N, C-alpha and C. Protein backbone atom coordinates (compact mmCIF):
# COMPACT_ATOMS: atom_id res chain seq x y z
N UNK A 1 13.06 -1.26 -11.60
CA UNK A 1 13.73 -1.84 -10.67
C UNK A 1 12.95 -1.02 -9.28
N UNK A 2 12.84 -1.84 -8.19
CA UNK A 2 12.15 -1.37 -6.75
C UNK A 2 13.51 -0.58 -6.26
N UNK A 3 13.38 0.75 -6.08
CA UNK A 3 14.54 1.47 -5.60
C UNK A 3 14.20 2.37 -4.49
N UNK A 4 13.15 1.99 -3.49
CA UNK A 4 12.85 2.80 -2.58
C UNK A 4 13.77 2.63 -1.43
N UNK A 5 14.10 3.40 -0.55
CA UNK A 5 15.11 3.03 0.50
C UNK A 5 14.14 2.50 1.73
N UNK A 6 14.59 1.63 2.59
CA UNK A 6 14.14 1.00 3.61
C UNK A 6 14.67 1.65 4.99
N UNK A 7 13.82 1.88 5.74
CA UNK A 7 14.44 2.52 7.06
C UNK A 7 14.77 1.42 7.89
N UNK A 8 15.80 1.93 8.75
CA UNK A 8 16.28 0.95 9.94
C UNK A 8 15.10 0.90 11.04
N UNK A 9 14.86 -0.23 11.25
CA UNK A 9 13.81 -0.55 12.39
C UNK A 9 14.15 -0.09 13.60
N UNK A 10 13.29 0.90 14.47
CA UNK A 10 13.94 1.35 15.44
C UNK A 10 13.89 0.30 16.72
N UNK A 11 14.88 0.49 17.56
CA UNK A 11 15.15 -0.76 18.71
C UNK A 11 13.69 -0.92 19.42
N UNK A 12 13.11 0.12 19.72
CA UNK A 12 11.71 -0.40 20.42
C UNK A 12 10.78 -1.15 19.56
N UNK A 13 10.73 -1.09 18.16
CA UNK A 13 10.03 -1.97 17.40
C UNK A 13 10.74 -3.28 17.20
N UNK A 14 11.79 -3.64 17.41
CA UNK A 14 12.49 -4.82 17.32
C UNK A 14 12.13 -5.46 18.72
N UNK A 15 12.29 -4.66 19.74
CA UNK A 15 11.67 -5.37 20.82
C UNK A 15 10.48 -5.88 20.75
N UNK A 16 9.59 -5.17 20.29
CA UNK A 16 8.19 -5.66 20.32
C UNK A 16 7.90 -6.81 19.53
N UNK A 17 8.66 -6.94 18.12
CA UNK A 17 8.58 -8.08 17.32
C UNK A 17 9.28 -9.38 17.92
N UNK A 18 10.38 -8.87 18.77
CA UNK A 18 11.10 -10.03 19.28
C UNK A 18 10.37 -10.98 20.39
N UNK A 19 9.11 -10.29 21.02
CA UNK A 19 8.51 -10.91 21.93
C UNK A 19 7.48 -12.03 21.40
N UNK A 20 7.26 -11.91 20.12
CA UNK A 20 6.39 -13.15 19.50
C UNK A 20 7.24 -13.74 18.27
N UNK A 21 8.22 -13.25 17.80
CA UNK A 21 9.14 -14.15 16.72
C UNK A 21 10.00 -14.99 17.27
N UNK A 22 10.13 -16.09 16.27
CA UNK A 22 11.19 -17.13 16.98
C UNK A 22 12.69 -16.42 17.02
N UNK A 23 13.50 -16.97 17.70
CA UNK A 23 14.94 -16.34 17.86
C UNK A 23 15.70 -16.53 16.56
N UNK A 24 15.30 -17.26 15.81
CA UNK A 24 16.09 -17.30 14.45
C UNK A 24 15.63 -16.21 13.35
N UNK A 25 14.54 -15.21 13.68
CA UNK A 25 13.99 -14.40 12.92
C UNK A 25 14.85 -13.14 12.52
N UNK A 26 15.03 -12.97 11.49
CA UNK A 26 16.01 -11.53 11.07
C UNK A 26 15.15 -10.50 11.39
N UNK A 27 15.57 -9.70 12.40
CA UNK A 27 14.76 -8.45 12.82
C UNK A 27 15.53 -7.10 12.20
N UNK A 28 15.18 -7.19 11.09
CA UNK A 28 15.62 -5.83 10.21
C UNK A 28 14.53 -5.72 8.84
N UNK A 29 14.73 -4.66 8.35
CA UNK A 29 13.88 -4.13 7.34
C UNK A 29 14.36 -4.79 5.97
N UNK A 30 13.56 -5.62 5.19
CA UNK A 30 12.29 -6.09 5.34
C UNK A 30 12.05 -7.04 6.26
N UNK A 31 11.08 -7.22 7.09
CA UNK A 31 10.97 -8.35 8.44
C UNK A 31 10.48 -9.47 7.88
N UNK A 32 11.06 -10.52 8.04
CA UNK A 32 10.63 -11.77 7.68
C UNK A 32 10.12 -12.49 9.06
N UNK A 33 8.65 -12.67 8.94
CA UNK A 33 8.27 -13.20 9.92
C UNK A 33 8.25 -14.85 10.20
N UNK A 34 9.16 -15.46 9.28
CA UNK A 34 9.49 -16.77 9.19
C UNK A 34 8.13 -17.59 9.11
N UNK A 35 8.18 -18.80 8.69
CA UNK A 35 7.08 -20.05 8.62
C UNK A 35 6.35 -19.86 9.83
N UNK A 36 6.51 -19.44 11.00
CA UNK A 36 5.62 -19.32 12.19
C UNK A 36 4.37 -18.74 11.82
N UNK A 37 4.37 -17.80 10.65
CA UNK A 37 3.08 -17.06 10.46
C UNK A 37 2.47 -17.77 9.85
N UNK A 38 2.51 -19.05 9.29
CA UNK A 38 1.81 -20.34 8.57
C UNK A 38 0.96 -20.74 9.92
N UNK A 39 1.62 -21.21 11.03
CA UNK A 39 0.93 -21.59 11.78
C UNK A 39 0.17 -20.75 12.85
N UNK A 40 0.49 -19.42 12.89
CA UNK A 40 -0.07 -18.32 13.80
C UNK A 40 -0.24 -17.39 12.96
N UNK A 41 -1.21 -17.12 12.14
CA UNK A 41 -1.54 -15.93 11.45
C UNK A 41 -1.55 -14.73 12.13
N UNK A 42 -1.98 -14.68 13.40
CA UNK A 42 -1.87 -13.38 13.98
C UNK A 42 -0.40 -12.79 14.15
N UNK A 43 0.78 -13.51 14.08
CA UNK A 43 2.08 -13.25 13.90
C UNK A 43 2.15 -11.87 12.85
N UNK A 44 1.69 -12.24 11.54
CA UNK A 44 2.00 -11.11 10.40
C UNK A 44 1.24 -9.93 10.84
N UNK A 45 -0.14 -10.07 11.45
CA UNK A 45 -0.93 -8.85 11.86
C UNK A 45 -0.05 -8.27 13.00
N UNK A 46 0.49 -8.90 13.88
CA UNK A 46 1.11 -8.04 14.97
C UNK A 46 2.45 -7.63 14.67
N UNK A 47 3.08 -7.96 13.57
CA UNK A 47 4.23 -7.53 12.80
C UNK A 47 3.91 -6.23 12.34
N UNK A 48 2.72 -6.15 11.31
CA UNK A 48 2.46 -5.22 10.44
C UNK A 48 2.25 -4.03 11.74
N UNK A 49 1.54 -4.30 12.80
CA UNK A 49 1.13 -3.25 13.54
C UNK A 49 2.43 -2.66 14.19
N UNK A 50 3.12 -3.32 14.55
CA UNK A 50 4.51 -2.97 15.11
C UNK A 50 5.33 -2.04 14.08
N UNK A 51 5.34 -2.22 12.94
CA UNK A 51 6.08 -1.69 11.84
C UNK A 51 5.43 -0.34 11.76
N UNK A 52 4.06 -0.37 11.51
CA UNK A 52 3.47 0.88 11.23
C UNK A 52 3.31 1.80 12.43
N UNK A 53 3.58 1.33 13.56
CA UNK A 53 3.93 2.38 14.73
C UNK A 53 5.20 3.01 14.83
N UNK A 54 6.51 2.41 14.25
CA UNK A 54 7.59 2.79 14.07
C UNK A 54 7.63 4.14 13.39
N UNK A 55 8.31 5.23 14.18
CA UNK A 55 8.11 6.42 13.40
C UNK A 55 8.86 6.51 12.14
N UNK A 56 10.05 5.83 11.99
CA UNK A 56 10.71 5.79 10.65
C UNK A 56 10.26 5.19 9.56
N UNK A 57 9.02 4.41 9.95
CA UNK A 57 8.34 3.59 8.65
C UNK A 57 7.08 4.50 8.36
N UNK A 58 7.13 4.75 6.63
CA UNK A 58 6.06 5.49 6.29
C UNK A 58 5.03 4.76 5.59
N UNK A 59 5.30 3.29 5.20
CA UNK A 59 4.14 2.60 4.63
C UNK A 59 4.68 1.02 4.88
N UNK A 60 3.76 0.22 4.57
CA UNK A 60 4.25 -1.08 4.69
C UNK A 60 3.33 -1.97 3.59
N UNK A 61 4.07 -3.39 3.28
CA UNK A 61 3.35 -3.98 2.44
C UNK A 61 3.59 -5.49 3.20
N UNK A 62 2.53 -6.16 3.31
CA UNK A 62 2.52 -7.66 3.85
C UNK A 62 2.05 -8.58 2.72
N UNK A 63 3.12 -9.60 2.53
CA UNK A 63 2.57 -10.67 1.40
C UNK A 63 2.54 -11.73 2.43
N UNK A 64 1.10 -12.32 1.95
CA UNK A 64 0.57 -13.52 2.76
C UNK A 64 0.71 -14.78 1.73
N UNK A 65 1.09 -15.54 2.36
CA UNK A 65 1.10 -17.17 1.72
C UNK A 65 -0.21 -17.87 1.62
N UNK A 66 -0.41 -17.97 0.21
CA UNK A 66 -1.81 -18.65 -0.05
C UNK A 66 -2.09 -19.94 0.78
N UNK A 67 -3.11 -20.53 0.56
CA UNK A 67 -3.42 -21.72 1.03
C UNK A 67 -5.12 -21.93 0.74
N UNK A 68 -5.61 -23.11 1.31
CA UNK A 68 -7.03 -23.23 1.24
C UNK A 68 -7.93 -21.93 1.48
N UNK A 69 -9.08 -21.90 1.00
CA UNK A 69 -9.92 -20.75 1.09
C UNK A 69 -9.97 -20.28 2.61
N UNK A 70 -10.00 -21.06 3.59
CA UNK A 70 -10.32 -20.95 5.02
C UNK A 70 -9.13 -20.41 5.53
N UNK A 71 -8.03 -21.04 5.22
CA UNK A 71 -6.70 -20.52 5.75
C UNK A 71 -6.21 -19.05 4.99
N UNK A 72 -6.53 -19.07 3.88
CA UNK A 72 -6.09 -17.62 3.22
C UNK A 72 -6.96 -16.51 3.85
N UNK A 73 -8.25 -16.96 4.27
CA UNK A 73 -8.95 -15.74 4.53
C UNK A 73 -9.04 -15.57 6.05
N UNK A 74 -8.24 -16.75 6.83
CA UNK A 74 -8.04 -16.36 8.11
C UNK A 74 -6.76 -15.49 8.21
N UNK A 75 -5.90 -15.55 7.30
CA UNK A 75 -4.82 -14.96 7.30
C UNK A 75 -4.95 -13.47 6.83
N UNK A 76 -6.06 -13.15 5.79
CA UNK A 76 -6.32 -11.89 5.76
C UNK A 76 -7.05 -11.06 6.76
N UNK A 77 -7.74 -11.79 7.48
CA UNK A 77 -8.30 -11.16 8.78
C UNK A 77 -7.19 -10.94 9.69
N UNK A 78 -6.27 -11.62 10.10
CA UNK A 78 -5.02 -11.62 10.83
C UNK A 78 -4.43 -10.37 10.57
N UNK A 79 -3.96 -10.21 9.24
CA UNK A 79 -3.07 -9.39 8.68
C UNK A 79 -3.74 -7.74 8.83
N UNK A 80 -4.92 -7.74 8.97
CA UNK A 80 -5.56 -6.30 8.44
C UNK A 80 -6.21 -6.02 10.15
N UNK A 81 -5.97 -7.11 11.03
CA UNK A 81 -6.79 -6.81 12.28
C UNK A 81 -6.19 -5.59 13.04
N UNK A 82 -5.07 -5.28 13.15
CA UNK A 82 -4.44 -4.16 13.86
C UNK A 82 -4.07 -2.92 13.08
N UNK A 83 -4.53 -2.78 11.67
CA UNK A 83 -4.23 -1.67 10.96
C UNK A 83 -5.45 -0.51 11.20
N UNK A 84 -4.75 0.62 11.41
CA UNK A 84 -5.48 1.75 12.02
C UNK A 84 -5.70 2.80 10.98
N UNK A 85 -5.34 2.57 9.90
CA UNK A 85 -5.34 3.62 8.63
C UNK A 85 -4.52 4.77 8.66
N UNK A 86 -3.58 4.84 9.62
CA UNK A 86 -2.60 5.96 9.81
C UNK A 86 -1.74 6.09 8.86
N UNK A 87 -1.28 4.99 8.17
CA UNK A 87 -0.25 5.08 7.09
C UNK A 87 -0.60 4.23 5.86
N UNK A 88 -0.09 4.55 4.79
CA UNK A 88 -0.44 3.52 3.59
C UNK A 88 -0.02 1.98 3.69
N UNK A 89 -0.83 1.00 3.38
CA UNK A 89 -0.62 -0.54 3.89
C UNK A 89 -1.28 -1.12 2.72
N UNK A 90 -0.70 -2.06 2.08
CA UNK A 90 -0.87 -2.93 1.05
C UNK A 90 -0.60 -4.36 1.36
N UNK A 91 -1.76 -5.22 0.88
CA UNK A 91 -1.61 -6.54 1.15
C UNK A 91 -1.35 -7.47 -0.12
N UNK A 92 -0.51 -8.15 -0.54
CA UNK A 92 -0.31 -8.93 -1.44
C UNK A 92 -0.19 -10.39 -1.27
N UNK A 93 -0.12 -10.99 -2.26
CA UNK A 93 0.05 -12.66 -1.99
C UNK A 93 1.21 -13.22 -2.68
N UNK A 94 1.86 -14.03 -2.18
CA UNK A 94 3.04 -14.89 -2.81
C UNK A 94 2.45 -15.79 -3.48
N UNK A 95 3.36 -16.32 -4.61
CA UNK A 95 3.09 -17.38 -5.18
C UNK A 95 2.33 -17.31 -6.78
N UNK A 96 1.77 -18.14 -7.13
CA UNK A 96 1.18 -18.20 -8.44
C UNK A 96 -0.22 -17.39 -8.46
N UNK A 97 -0.76 -17.47 -9.51
CA UNK A 97 -2.04 -16.77 -9.51
C UNK A 97 -3.29 -17.55 -9.49
N UNK A 98 -3.29 -18.58 -8.71
CA UNK A 98 -4.51 -19.21 -8.30
C UNK A 98 -5.24 -18.42 -7.64
N UNK A 99 -6.54 -18.90 -7.83
CA UNK A 99 -7.69 -18.00 -7.39
C UNK A 99 -7.64 -18.03 -5.76
N UNK A 100 -8.26 -16.78 -5.38
CA UNK A 100 -8.25 -16.49 -4.11
C UNK A 100 -9.92 -16.42 -3.83
N UNK A 101 -10.48 -16.72 -2.51
CA UNK A 101 -11.70 -16.38 -2.42
C UNK A 101 -11.94 -14.77 -2.42
N UNK A 102 -13.32 -14.52 -3.03
CA UNK A 102 -13.60 -13.07 -3.09
C UNK A 102 -13.54 -12.44 -1.74
N UNK A 103 -13.73 -13.21 -0.69
CA UNK A 103 -13.89 -12.57 0.85
C UNK A 103 -12.55 -12.00 0.98
N UNK A 104 -11.20 -12.62 0.38
CA UNK A 104 -10.04 -12.16 1.07
C UNK A 104 -9.77 -10.60 0.45
N UNK A 105 -9.97 -10.35 -0.84
CA UNK A 105 -9.84 -8.91 -0.78
C UNK A 105 -10.96 -8.12 -0.46
N UNK A 106 -12.10 -8.63 -0.13
CA UNK A 106 -13.08 -7.78 0.49
C UNK A 106 -12.59 -7.38 2.04
N UNK A 107 -11.94 -8.49 2.82
CA UNK A 107 -11.54 -8.60 3.98
C UNK A 107 -10.45 -7.01 4.13
N UNK A 108 -9.77 -7.41 3.11
CA UNK A 108 -8.38 -6.30 2.90
C UNK A 108 -8.98 -4.84 2.84
N UNK A 109 -9.78 -4.77 1.79
CA UNK A 109 -10.40 -3.61 1.29
C UNK A 109 -11.33 -2.75 2.42
N UNK A 110 -12.06 -3.58 2.97
CA UNK A 110 -13.01 -3.10 4.06
C UNK A 110 -12.03 -2.50 5.29
N UNK A 111 -11.05 -2.99 5.45
CA UNK A 111 -10.03 -2.59 6.70
C UNK A 111 -9.29 -1.11 6.12
N UNK A 112 -9.46 -0.76 4.85
CA UNK A 112 -8.69 0.42 4.51
C UNK A 112 -7.43 0.22 3.86
N UNK A 113 -7.07 -1.22 3.60
CA UNK A 113 -5.76 -1.36 3.06
C UNK A 113 -6.17 -1.52 1.56
N UNK A 114 -4.81 -1.58 0.91
CA UNK A 114 -4.98 -1.91 -0.51
C UNK A 114 -4.49 -3.33 -0.91
N UNK A 115 -5.42 -3.78 -1.78
CA UNK A 115 -4.99 -5.17 -2.06
C UNK A 115 -4.33 -5.24 -3.46
N UNK A 116 -3.31 -5.59 -3.54
CA UNK A 116 -2.61 -5.76 -4.85
C UNK A 116 -1.94 -7.17 -5.04
N UNK A 117 -2.37 -8.07 -5.69
CA UNK A 117 -1.92 -9.14 -5.91
C UNK A 117 -0.46 -9.73 -5.83
N UNK A 118 0.26 -9.02 -6.61
CA UNK A 118 1.67 -9.41 -6.64
C UNK A 118 2.35 -8.55 -5.84
N UNK A 119 3.38 -9.23 -5.00
CA UNK A 119 4.24 -8.43 -4.04
C UNK A 119 5.24 -7.30 -4.86
N UNK A 120 5.73 -7.78 -6.02
CA UNK A 120 6.35 -6.79 -6.70
C UNK A 120 5.75 -5.34 -6.99
N UNK A 121 4.46 -5.70 -7.45
CA UNK A 121 3.55 -4.47 -7.83
C UNK A 121 3.22 -3.81 -6.68
N UNK A 122 3.04 -4.59 -5.56
CA UNK A 122 2.53 -3.70 -4.17
C UNK A 122 3.93 -2.91 -3.91
N UNK A 123 5.13 -3.61 -3.99
CA UNK A 123 6.38 -2.68 -3.63
C UNK A 123 6.77 -1.66 -4.43
N UNK A 124 6.15 -1.56 -5.57
CA UNK A 124 6.32 -0.68 -6.88
C UNK A 124 5.50 0.41 -6.63
N UNK A 125 4.14 0.18 -6.22
CA UNK A 125 3.38 1.31 -5.82
C UNK A 125 3.65 2.06 -4.64
N UNK A 126 4.07 1.09 -3.54
CA UNK A 126 4.29 1.94 -2.62
C UNK A 126 5.60 2.88 -2.66
N UNK A 127 6.50 2.25 -3.43
CA UNK A 127 7.70 3.48 -3.76
C UNK A 127 7.34 4.43 -4.38
N UNK A 128 6.27 4.33 -5.29
CA UNK A 128 6.01 5.52 -6.19
C UNK A 128 5.32 6.60 -5.26
N UNK A 129 4.39 6.04 -4.35
CA UNK A 129 3.60 6.94 -3.60
C UNK A 129 4.55 7.53 -2.46
N UNK A 130 5.52 6.76 -2.14
CA UNK A 130 6.29 7.31 -1.10
C UNK A 130 7.31 8.41 -1.78
N UNK A 131 7.86 8.25 -3.03
CA UNK A 131 8.78 9.05 -3.54
C UNK A 131 8.02 10.25 -3.95
N UNK A 132 6.67 10.19 -4.29
CA UNK A 132 5.88 11.25 -4.49
C UNK A 132 5.70 12.10 -3.58
N UNK A 133 5.27 11.71 -2.44
CA UNK A 133 5.04 12.53 -1.03
C UNK A 133 6.11 13.06 -0.66
N UNK A 134 7.51 12.38 -0.62
CA UNK A 134 8.61 12.74 -0.34
C UNK A 134 8.95 14.30 -1.25
N UNK A 135 8.93 14.07 -2.38
CA UNK A 135 9.22 15.12 -3.32
C UNK A 135 8.57 16.18 -2.92
N UNK A 136 7.13 16.11 -2.62
CA UNK A 136 6.12 17.31 -2.34
C UNK A 136 6.66 17.72 -0.94
N UNK A 137 7.28 17.05 -0.15
CA UNK A 137 7.43 17.55 1.34
C UNK A 137 8.95 18.25 1.04
N UNK A 138 9.73 17.60 0.34
CA UNK A 138 11.17 18.63 0.09
C UNK A 138 10.91 19.67 -0.65
N UNK A 139 10.04 19.89 -1.46
CA UNK A 139 9.79 21.46 -2.19
C UNK A 139 9.07 22.13 -1.16
N UNK A 140 8.28 21.60 -0.09
CA UNK A 140 7.69 22.54 0.74
C UNK A 140 8.87 23.15 1.73
N UNK A 141 9.61 22.28 2.21
CA UNK A 141 10.63 22.67 3.26
C UNK A 141 11.60 23.74 2.44
N UNK A 142 12.00 23.14 1.48
CA UNK A 142 12.84 24.01 0.74
C UNK A 142 12.49 25.43 0.52
N UNK A 143 11.03 25.41 0.32
CA UNK A 143 10.67 26.94 0.12
C UNK A 143 10.58 27.71 1.35
N UNK A 144 10.04 27.13 2.44
CA UNK A 144 9.71 27.78 3.92
C UNK A 144 11.02 27.77 4.62
N UNK A 145 11.64 26.54 4.59
CA UNK A 145 12.82 26.82 5.64
C UNK A 145 14.13 27.23 4.97
N UNK A 146 14.29 27.00 3.68
CA UNK A 146 15.53 27.45 3.09
C UNK A 146 15.30 28.59 2.15
N UNK A 147 14.35 28.97 1.94
CA UNK A 147 14.23 30.05 1.04
C UNK A 147 14.16 30.03 -0.31
N UNK A 148 14.12 28.77 -0.74
CA UNK A 148 14.47 28.50 -2.18
C UNK A 148 13.36 28.92 -3.01
N UNK A 149 13.44 29.58 -4.04
CA UNK A 149 12.44 30.11 -4.93
C UNK A 149 12.26 28.83 -6.01
N UNK A 150 11.46 27.82 -5.49
CA UNK A 150 11.31 26.70 -6.19
C UNK A 150 9.74 26.74 -6.83
N UNK A 151 8.86 27.68 -6.78
CA UNK A 151 7.66 27.70 -7.14
C UNK A 151 6.73 27.40 -6.30
N UNK A 152 6.83 26.99 -5.00
CA UNK A 152 6.01 26.18 -4.12
C UNK A 152 4.81 27.29 -3.98
N UNK A 153 5.08 28.63 -3.92
CA UNK A 153 4.02 29.82 -3.63
C UNK A 153 2.80 29.88 -4.71
N UNK A 154 3.27 28.90 -5.98
CA UNK A 154 2.13 28.88 -6.93
C UNK A 154 1.59 27.51 -6.88
N UNK A 155 1.78 26.70 -5.91
CA UNK A 155 1.37 25.39 -5.51
C UNK A 155 0.08 25.46 -5.37
N UNK A 156 -1.00 24.89 -6.15
CA UNK A 156 -2.28 24.76 -5.80
C UNK A 156 -2.71 24.25 -4.46
N UNK A 157 -3.47 24.74 -3.83
CA UNK A 157 -3.68 24.26 -2.34
C UNK A 157 -4.59 22.71 -2.32
N UNK A 158 -4.93 22.33 -3.53
CA UNK A 158 -5.70 21.11 -3.72
C UNK A 158 -4.96 20.28 -4.80
N UNK A 159 -4.68 19.13 -4.59
CA UNK A 159 -4.34 18.32 -5.77
C UNK A 159 -5.23 17.16 -5.72
N UNK A 160 -5.87 16.82 -6.62
CA UNK A 160 -6.87 15.42 -6.98
C UNK A 160 -6.34 14.59 -7.78
N UNK A 161 -6.72 13.39 -7.64
CA UNK A 161 -6.18 12.35 -8.21
C UNK A 161 -7.62 11.85 -8.96
N UNK A 162 -8.22 11.97 -10.21
CA UNK A 162 -9.54 11.84 -10.39
C UNK A 162 -9.45 10.48 -11.29
N UNK A 163 -10.00 9.49 -10.63
CA UNK A 163 -10.03 7.86 -11.20
C UNK A 163 -10.82 7.74 -12.53
N UNK A 164 -10.23 7.27 -13.57
CA UNK A 164 -10.70 6.95 -14.53
C UNK A 164 -10.81 5.23 -14.66
N UNK A 165 -11.56 4.45 -15.68
CA UNK A 165 -11.55 3.35 -15.72
C UNK A 165 -9.83 2.48 -15.84
N UNK A 166 -9.16 3.42 -16.73
CA UNK A 166 -7.60 2.94 -16.93
C UNK A 166 -6.40 3.73 -16.31
N UNK A 167 -6.74 4.90 -15.77
CA UNK A 167 -5.96 5.73 -15.14
C UNK A 167 -6.40 6.64 -14.19
N UNK A 168 -5.37 7.45 -13.54
CA UNK A 168 -5.58 8.61 -12.82
C UNK A 168 -5.08 9.75 -13.42
N UNK A 169 -5.94 11.12 -13.09
CA UNK A 169 -5.67 12.04 -14.04
C UNK A 169 -5.67 13.24 -12.74
N UNK A 170 -4.49 14.03 -12.69
CA UNK A 170 -4.16 15.07 -11.70
C UNK A 170 -5.11 16.25 -12.08
N UNK A 171 -5.72 16.55 -11.27
CA UNK A 171 -6.42 17.89 -11.29
C UNK A 171 -6.12 18.91 -9.90
N UNK A 172 -5.87 20.07 -10.08
CA UNK A 172 -5.60 21.09 -9.35
C UNK A 172 -6.59 22.20 -9.00
N UNK A 173 -6.98 22.20 -7.77
CA UNK A 173 -7.93 23.19 -7.15
C UNK A 173 -7.48 23.97 -6.31
N UNK A 174 -8.29 25.35 -5.77
CA UNK A 174 -7.70 26.14 -4.88
C UNK A 174 -8.39 26.34 -3.50
N UNK A 175 -9.63 25.27 -3.34
CA UNK A 175 -10.25 25.53 -2.43
C UNK A 175 -10.88 23.75 -2.24
N UNK A 176 -11.26 23.42 -0.72
CA UNK A 176 -11.91 22.22 -0.59
C UNK A 176 -12.63 22.39 0.70
N UNK A 177 -14.06 21.89 0.34
CA UNK A 177 -14.58 21.29 -1.00
C UNK A 177 -14.78 22.11 -1.92
N UNK A 178 -14.84 21.71 -2.82
CA UNK A 178 -14.94 22.77 -4.21
C UNK A 178 -16.30 23.43 -4.10
N UNK A 179 -16.22 24.83 -4.56
CA UNK A 179 -17.43 25.77 -4.45
C UNK A 179 -18.52 25.24 -5.47
N UNK A 180 -18.13 24.43 -6.53
CA UNK A 180 -18.99 24.05 -7.56
C UNK A 180 -19.40 22.72 -7.41
N UNK A 181 -19.22 22.11 -6.24
CA UNK A 181 -19.63 20.76 -5.88
C UNK A 181 -21.32 20.86 -5.91
N UNK A 182 -21.98 19.76 -6.58
CA UNK A 182 -23.43 19.59 -6.45
C UNK A 182 -23.55 18.44 -5.39
N UNK A 183 -24.25 18.76 -4.29
CA UNK A 183 -24.33 18.03 -3.25
C UNK A 183 -25.73 17.05 -3.65
N UNK A 184 -25.65 15.63 -3.64
CA UNK A 184 -26.74 14.94 -3.91
C UNK A 184 -27.09 14.06 -2.66
N UNK A 185 -28.10 13.85 -2.25
CA UNK A 185 -28.57 12.85 -1.35
C UNK A 185 -28.79 11.54 -2.17
N UNK A 186 -28.17 10.51 -1.55
CA UNK A 186 -28.59 9.28 -1.99
C UNK A 186 -29.18 8.48 -0.83
N UNK A 187 -30.53 7.55 -1.14
CA UNK A 187 -30.94 6.86 -0.04
C UNK A 187 -31.05 5.43 -0.49
N UNK A 188 -30.75 4.78 0.72
CA UNK A 188 -30.54 3.17 0.26
C UNK A 188 -31.78 2.56 0.69
N UNK A 189 -32.28 1.71 -0.47
CA UNK A 189 -33.59 1.01 -0.35
C UNK A 189 -33.14 -0.47 0.32
N UNK A 190 -33.52 -0.77 1.64
CA UNK A 190 -33.16 -1.85 2.12
C UNK A 190 -33.56 -3.36 1.36
N UNK A 191 -34.55 -3.15 0.42
CA UNK A 191 -35.21 -4.38 -0.14
C UNK A 191 -34.02 -4.62 -1.10
N UNK A 192 -33.27 -3.61 -1.57
CA UNK A 192 -32.14 -3.87 -2.82
C UNK A 192 -30.79 -4.23 -2.22
N UNK A 193 -30.57 -4.07 -0.94
CA UNK A 193 -29.58 -4.49 -0.55
C UNK A 193 -28.88 -6.15 -0.46
N UNK A 194 -27.83 -6.35 -0.62
CA UNK A 194 -27.59 -8.00 -0.65
C UNK A 194 -27.05 -8.36 0.55
């Protein structure tokens, strides 16, 4: 079950989105941009930008409604146009598993957002990410502000998530960059670029 708390949208954010959403839009979290975003894809991008500027919002998921390859590509461009990489952001797609143009995922990923096909999976991923970060913050503040002996003083300075084909493995280190790093220069051969 999805169990992450959704923050209340700040009044300043409500005023921003009120300027371009129709009067009947529900101005709360989760924000429904209504079917108007089908006609004007920039509405979704402007909504995402406003939400990510809100101090109470730590991450966002935008669910795009599919359509023809040209339309869904335009929606991908519109939804990521204002993303500044300051907070975690994922883009998902409503509906069936019909194929999407490869350019859709490329646009989202090049913008620095995460592409997760299913809105449910995107929400679950954001909830885990948010909960994990929140638990770390609580342990930090409990140790330094409340004087709780929770082992934070033994917390490694660096935690890495090493990616494997089918999983991530947590690795703890004490410095960054790692002293044992072997720096390697790579050169691109322009004739080999696609």
